[in-house]
C-alpha atoms as a PDB file:
ATOM      1  CA  UNK A   1     -10.440 -19.839  12.909  1.00  0.00           C
ATOM      2  CA  UNK A   2      -8.485 -19.733   9.656  1.00  0.00           C
ATOM      3  CA  UNK A   3      -9.481 -22.084   6.860  1.00  0.00           C
ATOM      4  CA  UNK A   4      -7.067 -24.778   5.818  1.00  0.00           C
ATOM      5  CA  UNK A   5      -4.697 -23.360   3.232  1.00  0.00           C
ATOM      6  CA  UNK A   6      -5.849 -24.057  -0.324  1.00  0.00           C
ATOM      7  CA  UNK A   7      -3.413 -24.354  -3.209  1.00  0.00           C
ATOM      8  CA  UNK A   8      -1.715 -21.176  -4.377  1.00  0.00           C
ATOM      9  CA  UNK A   9      -3.455 -21.549  -7.721  1.00  0.00           C
ATOM     10  CA  UNK A  10      -6.843 -21.581  -5.998  1.00  0.00           C
ATOM     11  CA  UNK A  11      -5.799 -18.654  -3.793  1.00  0.00           C
ATOM     12  CA  UNK A  12      -4.734 -16.632  -6.842  1.00  0.00           C
ATOM     13  CA  UNK A  13      -8.106 -17.211  -8.510  1.00  0.00           C
ATOM     14  CA  UNK A  14      -9.935 -16.023  -5.387  1.00  0.00           C
ATOM     15  CA  UNK A  15      -7.826 -12.879  -4.835  1.00  0.00           C
ATOM     16  CA  UNK A  16      -6.762 -12.001  -8.371  1.00  0.00           C
ATOM     17  CA  UNK A  17      -3.150 -12.903  -7.525  1.00  0.00           C
ATOM     18  CA  UNK A  18      -0.182 -10.921  -6.300  1.00  0.00           C
ATOM     19  CA  UNK A  19       2.011  -8.316  -8.007  1.00  0.00           C
ATOM     20  CA  UNK A  20       5.771  -8.336  -8.489  1.00  0.00           C
ATOM     21  CA  UNK A  21       7.425  -4.986  -9.224  1.00  0.00           C
ATOM     22  CA  UNK A  22      11.063  -4.429 -10.136  1.00  0.00           C
ATOM     23  CA  UNK A  23      11.634  -2.074  -7.197  1.00  0.00           C
ATOM     24  CA  UNK A  24      10.174  -4.124  -4.355  1.00  0.00           C
ATOM     25  CA  UNK A  25      12.100  -6.820  -2.484  1.00  0.00           C
ATOM     26  CA  UNK A  26       8.818  -8.668  -1.999  1.00  0.00           C
ATOM     27  CA  UNK A  27       5.437  -9.373  -3.509  1.00  0.00           C
ATOM     28  CA  UNK A  28       2.689  -6.757  -3.427  1.00  0.00           C
ATOM     29  CA  UNK A  29      -0.993  -6.257  -4.247  1.00  0.00           C
ATOM     30  CA  UNK A  30      -2.281  -3.623  -6.650  1.00  0.00           C
ATOM     31  CA  UNK A  31      -5.659  -2.147  -7.545  1.00  0.00           C
ATOM     32  CA  UNK A  32      -6.636   0.132 -10.473  1.00  0.00           C
ATOM     33  CA  UNK A  33      -5.944   3.827  -9.994  1.00  0.00           C
ATOM     34  CA  UNK A  34      -9.617   4.571 -10.612  1.00  0.00           C
ATOM     35  CA  UNK A  35     -10.088   2.921  -7.206  1.00  0.00           C
ATOM     36  CA  UNK A  36      -8.186   5.764  -5.531  1.00  0.00           C
ATOM     37  CA  UNK A  37     -10.948   7.777  -3.862  1.00  0.00           C
ATOM     38  CA  UNK A  38      -8.823  10.756  -2.802  1.00  0.00           C
ATOM     39  CA  UNK A  39      -6.043  10.160  -5.309  1.00  0.00           C
ATOM     40  CA  UNK A  40      -8.339  10.090  -8.327  1.00  0.00           C
ATOM     41  CA  UNK A  41      -9.722  13.512  -7.350  1.00  0.00           C
ATOM     42  CA  UNK A  42      -6.181  14.768  -6.748  1.00  0.00           C
ATOM     43  CA  UNK A  43      -5.188  13.816 -10.301  1.00  0.00           C
ATOM     44  CA  UNK A  44      -7.163  16.840 -11.510  1.00  0.00           C
ATOM     45  CA  UNK A  45      -5.139  19.201  -9.324  1.00  0.00           C
ATOM     46  CA  UNK A  46      -2.024  20.501 -11.061  1.00  0.00           C
ATOM     47  CA  UNK A  47       1.061  20.279  -8.905  1.00  0.00           C
ATOM     48  CA  UNK A  48      -0.249  17.431  -6.760  1.00  0.00           C
ATOM     49  CA  UNK A  49       1.633  14.163  -6.475  1.00  0.00           C
ATOM     50  CA  UNK A  50      -1.321  12.312  -8.004  1.00  0.00           C
ATOM     51  CA  UNK A  51      -1.383  14.631 -11.030  1.00  0.00           C
ATOM     52  CA  UNK A  52       1.675  12.811 -12.325  1.00  0.00           C
ATOM     53  CA  UNK A  53       0.835   9.425 -10.777  1.00  0.00           C
ATOM     54  CA  UNK A  54       3.385   6.785 -11.826  1.00  0.00           C
ATOM     55  CA  UNK A  55       0.660   4.122 -11.851  1.00  0.00           C
ATOM     56  CA  UNK A  56      -1.161   5.993 -14.615  1.00  0.00           C
ATOM     57  CA  UNK A  57       1.810   6.182 -16.945  1.00  0.00           C
ATOM     58  CA  UNK A  58       5.186   4.635 -17.811  1.00  0.00           C
ATOM     59  CA  UNK A  59       5.482   1.033 -16.529  1.00  0.00           C
ATOM     60  CA  UNK A  60       1.773   0.426 -16.007  1.00  0.00           C
ATOM     61  CA  UNK A  61       0.883   2.027 -19.348  1.00  0.00           C
ATOM     62  CA  UNK A  62       3.222  -0.349 -21.181  1.00  0.00           C
ATOM     63  CA  UNK A  63       1.283  -3.309 -19.868  1.00  0.00           C
ATOM     64  CA  UNK A  64      -2.223  -1.880 -19.558  1.00  0.00           C
ATOM     65  CA  UNK A  65      -3.619  -4.733 -21.658  1.00  0.00           C
ATOM     66  CA  UNK A  66      -2.657  -7.269 -18.981  1.00  0.00           C
ATOM     67  CA  UNK A  67      -2.115  -5.341 -15.757  1.00  0.00           C
ATOM     68  CA  UNK A  68      -5.317  -3.278 -15.640  1.00  0.00           C
ATOM     69  CA  UNK A  69      -7.728  -6.242 -15.996  1.00  0.00           C
ATOM     70  CA  UNK A  70      -5.823  -8.047 -13.228  1.00  0.00           C
ATOM     71  CA  UNK A  71      -6.066  -4.948 -11.011  1.00  0.00           C
ATOM     72  CA  UNK A  72      -9.834  -4.777 -11.545  1.00  0.00           C
ATOM     73  CA  UNK A  73     -10.103  -8.486 -10.755  1.00  0.00           C
ATOM     74  CA  UNK A  74      -8.296  -7.859  -7.445  1.00  0.00           C
ATOM     75  CA  UNK A  75     -10.568  -4.908  -6.662  1.00  0.00           C
ATOM     76  CA  UNK A  76     -13.655  -7.020  -7.293  1.00  0.00           C
ATOM     77  CA  UNK A  77     -12.276  -9.829  -5.120  1.00  0.00           C
ATOM     78  CA  UNK A  78     -11.255  -7.511  -2.280  1.00  0.00           C
ATOM     79  CA  UNK A  79     -14.670  -5.829  -2.193  1.00  0.00           C
ATOM     80  CA  UNK A  80     -16.982  -8.729  -2.949  1.00  0.00           C
ATOM     81  CA  UNK A  81     -15.340 -12.024  -2.003  1.00  0.00           C
ATOM     82  CA  UNK A  82     -16.341 -13.636   1.276  1.00  0.00           C
ATOM     83  CA  UNK A  83     -14.236 -12.114   4.073  1.00  0.00           C
ATOM     84  CA  UNK A  84     -12.906 -15.404   5.441  1.00  0.00           C
ATOM     85  CA  UNK A  85     -12.249 -16.913   2.022  1.00  0.00           C
ATOM     86  CA  UNK A  86     -10.364 -13.840   0.767  1.00  0.00           C
ATOM     87  CA  UNK A  87      -8.287 -13.512   3.955  1.00  0.00           C
ATOM     88  CA  UNK A  88      -7.372 -17.200   3.956  1.00  0.00           C
ATOM     89  CA  UNK A  89      -6.406 -17.017   0.278  1.00  0.00           C
ATOM     90  CA  UNK A  90      -4.141 -14.006   0.871  1.00  0.00           C
ATOM     91  CA  UNK A  91      -2.502 -15.740   3.841  1.00  0.00           C
ATOM     92  CA  UNK A  92      -1.864 -18.726   1.597  1.00  0.00           C
ATOM     93  CA  UNK A  93      -0.262 -16.567  -1.122  1.00  0.00           C
ATOM     94  CA  UNK A  94       1.985 -14.666   1.306  1.00  0.00           C
ATOM     95  CA  UNK A  95       3.107 -17.942   2.822  1.00  0.00           C
ATOM     96  CA  UNK A  96       6.395 -17.605   4.704  1.00  0.00           C
ATOM     97  CA  UNK A  97       7.483 -14.358   3.016  1.00  0.00           C
ATOM     98  CA  UNK A  98       9.084 -11.935   5.516  1.00  0.00           C
ATOM     99  CA  UNK A  99       7.848  -8.716   3.839  1.00  0.00           C
ATOM    100  CA  UNK A 100       4.750  -7.617   1.938  1.00  0.00           C
ATOM    101  CA  UNK A 101       3.697  -4.337   0.347  1.00  0.00           C
ATOM    102  CA  UNK A 102       0.019  -3.459   0.025  1.00  0.00           C
ATOM    103  CA  UNK A 103      -1.256  -1.378  -2.889  1.00  0.00           C
ATOM    104  CA  UNK A 104       1.615  -0.404  -5.160  1.00  0.00           C
ATOM    105  CA  UNK A 105      -1.302   0.990  -7.194  1.00  0.00           C
ATOM    106  CA  UNK A 106      -4.769   2.030  -6.045  1.00  0.00           C
ATOM    107  CA  UNK A 107      -5.892   2.631  -2.467  1.00  0.00           C
ATOM    108  CA  UNK A 108      -8.151   1.298   0.264  1.00  0.00           C
ATOM    109  CA  UNK A 109     -11.884   1.704  -0.335  1.00  0.00           C
ATOM    110  CA  UNK A 110     -13.485   1.246   3.045  1.00  0.00           C
ATOM    111  CA  UNK A 111     -13.106   0.228   6.669  1.00  0.00           C
ATOM    112  CA  UNK A 112     -14.068  -3.294   5.598  1.00  0.00           C
ATOM    113  CA  UNK A 113     -11.196  -3.463   3.121  1.00  0.00           C
ATOM    114  CA  UNK A 114      -8.734  -2.229   5.721  1.00  0.00           C
ATOM    115  CA  UNK A 115     -10.054  -4.786   8.212  1.00  0.00           C
ATOM    116  CA  UNK A 116      -9.498  -7.520   5.604  1.00  0.00           C
ATOM    117  CA  UNK A 117      -5.903  -6.361   5.178  1.00  0.00           C
ATOM    118  CA  UNK A 118      -5.414  -6.130   8.941  1.00  0.00           C
ATOM    119  CA  UNK A 119      -6.710  -9.665   9.434  1.00  0.00           C
ATOM    120  CA  UNK A 120      -4.233 -10.964   6.855  1.00  0.00           C
ATOM    121  CA  UNK A 121      -1.501  -9.219   8.843  1.00  0.00           C
ATOM    122  CA  UNK A 122      -2.711 -10.773  12.096  1.00  0.00           C
ATOM    123  CA  UNK A 123      -2.534 -14.235  10.537  1.00  0.00           C
ATOM    124  CA  UNK A 124       0.964 -13.691   9.129  1.00  0.00           C
ATOM    125  CA  UNK A 125       2.829 -12.452  12.249  1.00  0.00           C
ATOM    126  CA  UNK A 126       6.170 -13.495  10.727  1.00  0.00           C
ATOM    127  CA  UNK A 127       5.703 -10.981   7.897  1.00  0.00           C
ATOM    128  CA  UNK A 128       6.151  -7.197   8.051  1.00  0.00           C
ATOM    129  CA  UNK A 129       3.475  -5.357   6.080  1.00  0.00           C
ATOM    130  CA  UNK A 130       3.573  -1.833   4.652  1.00  0.00           C
ATOM    131  CA  UNK A 131       0.469   0.016   3.474  1.00  0.00           C
ATOM    132  CA  UNK A 132       0.712   3.524   1.973  1.00  0.00           C
ATOM    133  CA  UNK A 133      -2.582   5.432   1.721  1.00  0.00           C
ATOM    134  CA  UNK A 134      -4.142   8.839   1.192  1.00  0.00           C
ATOM    135  CA  UNK A 135      -7.406   7.734   2.751  1.00  0.00           C
ATOM    136  CA  UNK A 136      -6.706   9.321   6.133  1.00  0.00           C
ATOM    137  CA  UNK A 137     -10.381   9.330   7.172  1.00  0.00           C
ATOM    138  CA  UNK A 138     -10.790   5.600   6.512  1.00  0.00           C
ATOM    139  CA  UNK A 139      -7.698   4.856   8.597  1.00  0.00           C
ATOM    140  CA  UNK A 140      -9.004   7.080  11.394  1.00  0.00           C
ATOM    141  CA  UNK A 141     -12.403   5.379  11.371  1.00  0.00           C
ATOM    142  CA  UNK A 142     -10.715   1.972  11.383  1.00  0.00           C
ATOM    143  CA  UNK A 143      -8.366   2.843  14.255  1.00  0.00           C
ATOM    144  CA  UNK A 144     -11.312   4.061  16.317  1.00  0.00           C
ATOM    145  CA  UNK A 145     -12.682   0.510  16.214  1.00  0.00           C
ATOM    146  CA  UNK A 146      -9.629  -1.736  15.891  1.00  0.00           C
ATOM    147  CA  UNK A 147      -5.975  -1.849  16.873  1.00  0.00           C
ATOM    148  CA  UNK A 148      -3.503  -1.771  14.006  1.00  0.00           C
ATOM    149  CA  UNK A 149      -1.645  -5.107  13.977  1.00  0.00           C
ATOM    150  CA  UNK A 150       1.919  -4.845  15.315  1.00  0.00           C
ATOM    151  CA  UNK A 151       3.378  -6.053  12.004  1.00  0.00           C
ATOM    152  CA  UNK A 152       1.485  -3.502   9.891  1.00  0.00           C
ATOM    153  CA  UNK A 153       2.924  -0.054   9.187  1.00  0.00           C
ATOM    154  CA  UNK A 154       0.429   2.372   7.641  1.00  0.00           C
ATOM    155  CA  UNK A 155       2.088   5.369   5.975  1.00  0.00           C
ATOM    156  CA  UNK A 156      -0.095   8.396   5.300  1.00  0.00           C
ATOM    157  CA  UNK A 157       1.062   9.591   1.889  1.00  0.00           C
ATOM    158  CA  UNK A 158       1.770  13.206   0.991  1.00  0.00           C
ATOM    159  CA  UNK A 159      -0.491  15.137  -1.356  1.00  0.00           C
ATOM    160  CA  UNK A 160       1.942  17.783  -2.665  1.00  0.00           C
ATOM    161  CA  UNK A 161       5.718  17.916  -3.152  1.00  0.00           C
ATOM    162  CA  UNK A 162       7.613  19.744  -0.400  1.00  0.00           C
ATOM    163  CA  UNK A 163       4.569  19.802   1.891  1.00  0.00           C
ATOM    164  CA  UNK A 164       5.048  17.340   4.762  1.00  0.00           C
ATOM    165  CA  UNK A 165       2.111  15.239   5.887  1.00  0.00           C
ATOM    166  CA  UNK A 166       0.471  16.467   9.056  1.00  0.00           C
ATOM    167  CA  UNK A 167      -0.994  13.534  10.957  1.00  0.00           C
ATOM    168  CA  UNK A 168      -4.666  14.315  11.740  1.00  0.00           C
ATOM    169  CA  UNK A 169      -5.588  14.760  15.396  1.00  0.00           C
ATOM    170  CA  UNK A 170      -7.738  11.633  15.117  1.00  0.00           C
ATOM    171  CA  UNK A 171      -4.601   9.584  14.410  1.00  0.00           C
ATOM    172  CA  UNK A 172      -2.085  11.408  16.595  1.00  0.00           C
ATOM    173  CA  UNK A 173      -0.278   8.944  18.835  1.00  0.00           C
ATOM    174  CA  UNK A 174      -1.834   5.878  17.192  1.00  0.00           C
ATOM    175  CA  UNK A 175       0.725   3.065  17.016  1.00  0.00           C
ATOM    176  CA  UNK A 176       1.404   1.954  13.465  1.00  0.00           C
ATOM    177  CA  UNK A 177       0.836   5.350  11.819  1.00  0.00           C
ATOM    178  CA  UNK A 178       3.787   6.948  10.020  1.00  0.00           C
ATOM    179  CA  UNK A 179       4.059   9.227   6.979  1.00  0.00           C
ATOM    180  CA  UNK A 180       5.659   9.403   3.562  1.00  0.00           C
ATOM    181  CA  UNK A 181       6.460  12.757   2.001  1.00  0.00           C
ATOM    182  CA  UNK A 182       7.492  13.800  -1.484  1.00  0.00           C
ATOM    183  CA  UNK A 183      10.291  16.298  -2.029  1.00  0.00           C
ATOM    184  CA  UNK A 184      11.868  18.083  -4.938  1.00  0.00           C
ATOM    185  CA  UNK A 185      15.619  17.816  -5.371  1.00  0.00           C
ATOM    186  CA  UNK A 186      15.985  21.545  -4.743  1.00  0.00           C
ATOM    187  CA  UNK A 187      14.111  21.485  -1.427  1.00  0.00           C
ATOM    188  CA  UNK A 188      15.582  18.272  -0.075  1.00  0.00           C
ATOM    189  CA  UNK A 189      14.160  15.344   1.870  1.00  0.00           C
ATOM    190  CA  UNK A 190      11.376  15.715   4.426  1.00  0.00           C
ATOM    191  CA  UNK A 191      12.366  12.733   6.519  1.00  0.00           C
ATOM    192  CA  UNK A 192      14.452   9.649   5.763  1.00  0.00           C
ATOM    193  CA  UNK A 193      15.337   9.966   2.099  1.00  0.00           C
ATOM    194  CA  UNK A 194      14.442   7.008  -0.121  1.00  0.00           C
ATOM    195  CA  UNK A 195      17.693   5.710  -1.589  1.00  0.00           C
ATOM    196  CA  UNK A 196      16.116   3.712  -4.432  1.00  0.00           C
ATOM    197  CA  UNK A 197      17.146   6.371  -7.031  1.00  0.00           C
ATOM    198  CA  UNK A 198      20.769   5.651  -6.087  1.00  0.00           C
ATOM    199  CA  UNK A 199      20.216   1.914  -6.563  1.00  0.00           C
ATOM    200  CA  UNK A 200      18.763   1.696 -10.062  1.00  0.00           C
ATOM    201  CA  UNK A 201      15.294   2.322  -8.651  1.00  0.00           C
ATOM    202  CA  UNK A 202      15.355  -0.640  -6.265  1.00  0.00           C
ATOM    203  CA  UNK A 203      15.034  -1.082  -2.506  1.00  0.00           C
ATOM    204  CA  UNK A 204      17.725  -3.807  -2.355  1.00  0.00           C
ATOM    205  CA  UNK A 205      18.488  -4.069   1.394  1.00  0.00           C
ATOM    206  CA  UNK A 206      16.545  -0.992   2.542  1.00  0.00           C
ATOM    207  CA  UNK A 207      13.393  -1.659   4.582  1.00  0.00           C
ATOM    208  CA  UNK A 208      12.701   1.832   5.957  1.00  0.00           C
ATOM    209  CA  UNK A 209       9.168   1.934   4.545  1.00  0.00           C
ATOM    210  CA  UNK A 210       8.204  -1.131   6.584  1.00  0.00           C
ATOM    211  CA  UNK A 211       9.674   0.228   9.820  1.00  0.00           C
ATOM    212  CA  UNK A 212       7.521   2.013  12.387  1.00  0.00           C
ATOM    213  CA  UNK A 213      10.713   3.474  13.825  1.00  0.00           C
ATOM    214  CA  UNK A 214      11.171   5.540  10.657  1.00  0.00           C
ATOM    215  CA  UNK A 215       8.440   8.092  11.259  1.00  0.00           C
ATOM    216  CA  UNK A 216       8.811   9.861   7.906  1.00  0.00           C
ATOM    217  CA  UNK A 217      10.165   8.564   4.600  1.00  0.00           C
ATOM    218  CA  UNK A 218      10.725  11.061   1.776  1.00  0.00           C
ATOM    219  CA  UNK A 219      10.602  10.199  -1.933  1.00  0.00           C
ATOM    220  CA  UNK A 220      12.083  12.435  -4.586  1.00  0.00           C
ATOM    221  CA  UNK A 221       9.441  13.815  -6.941  1.00  0.00           C
ATOM    222  CA  UNK A 222       9.663  12.271 -10.401  1.00  0.00           C
END
């Protein structure tokens, strides 16, 4: 049974608050890049997508004095706050919003964290949620125990440009699992091409990333 909704100010204190990026048509939730289990290791591999991670440079670097502490506060809340309190607070913050993006920076840490996210999705059936992740094994372990909520689309993110994601056998045929690839301009898109570069870096009316019907989205390497 969900707790009665607290004030948004109280909810923000509990969760660390939401994120608003210039690209997204909705609010999101970000964690520090050091919280990327697979991604942080991939940063050491030249040529990988994570080696030139946008969250470790450019926009986030400009505001590292304010953004990074907030990201760590969210990580602490997501890992350590009481499950029911954190979920109820996130539901309160999302409110009546029709779309939500999980983790524009950072990644899931555990099955417990993914179950927290899934429970928020279950309690906001009016909202379509998108979660990109490179933690394939965590998603597989989660899906072996729980169904992915109908309004949650989990996209397994590519590791290298021009190498399409191969869905692991443990996740083959699981509803709610799609992929996102990264392509170079020379090679061309590996799926539905992200049109944000044509729109001043913004989604505007596009919602392909949230759609389970779009099995593969492809972002141009930058």
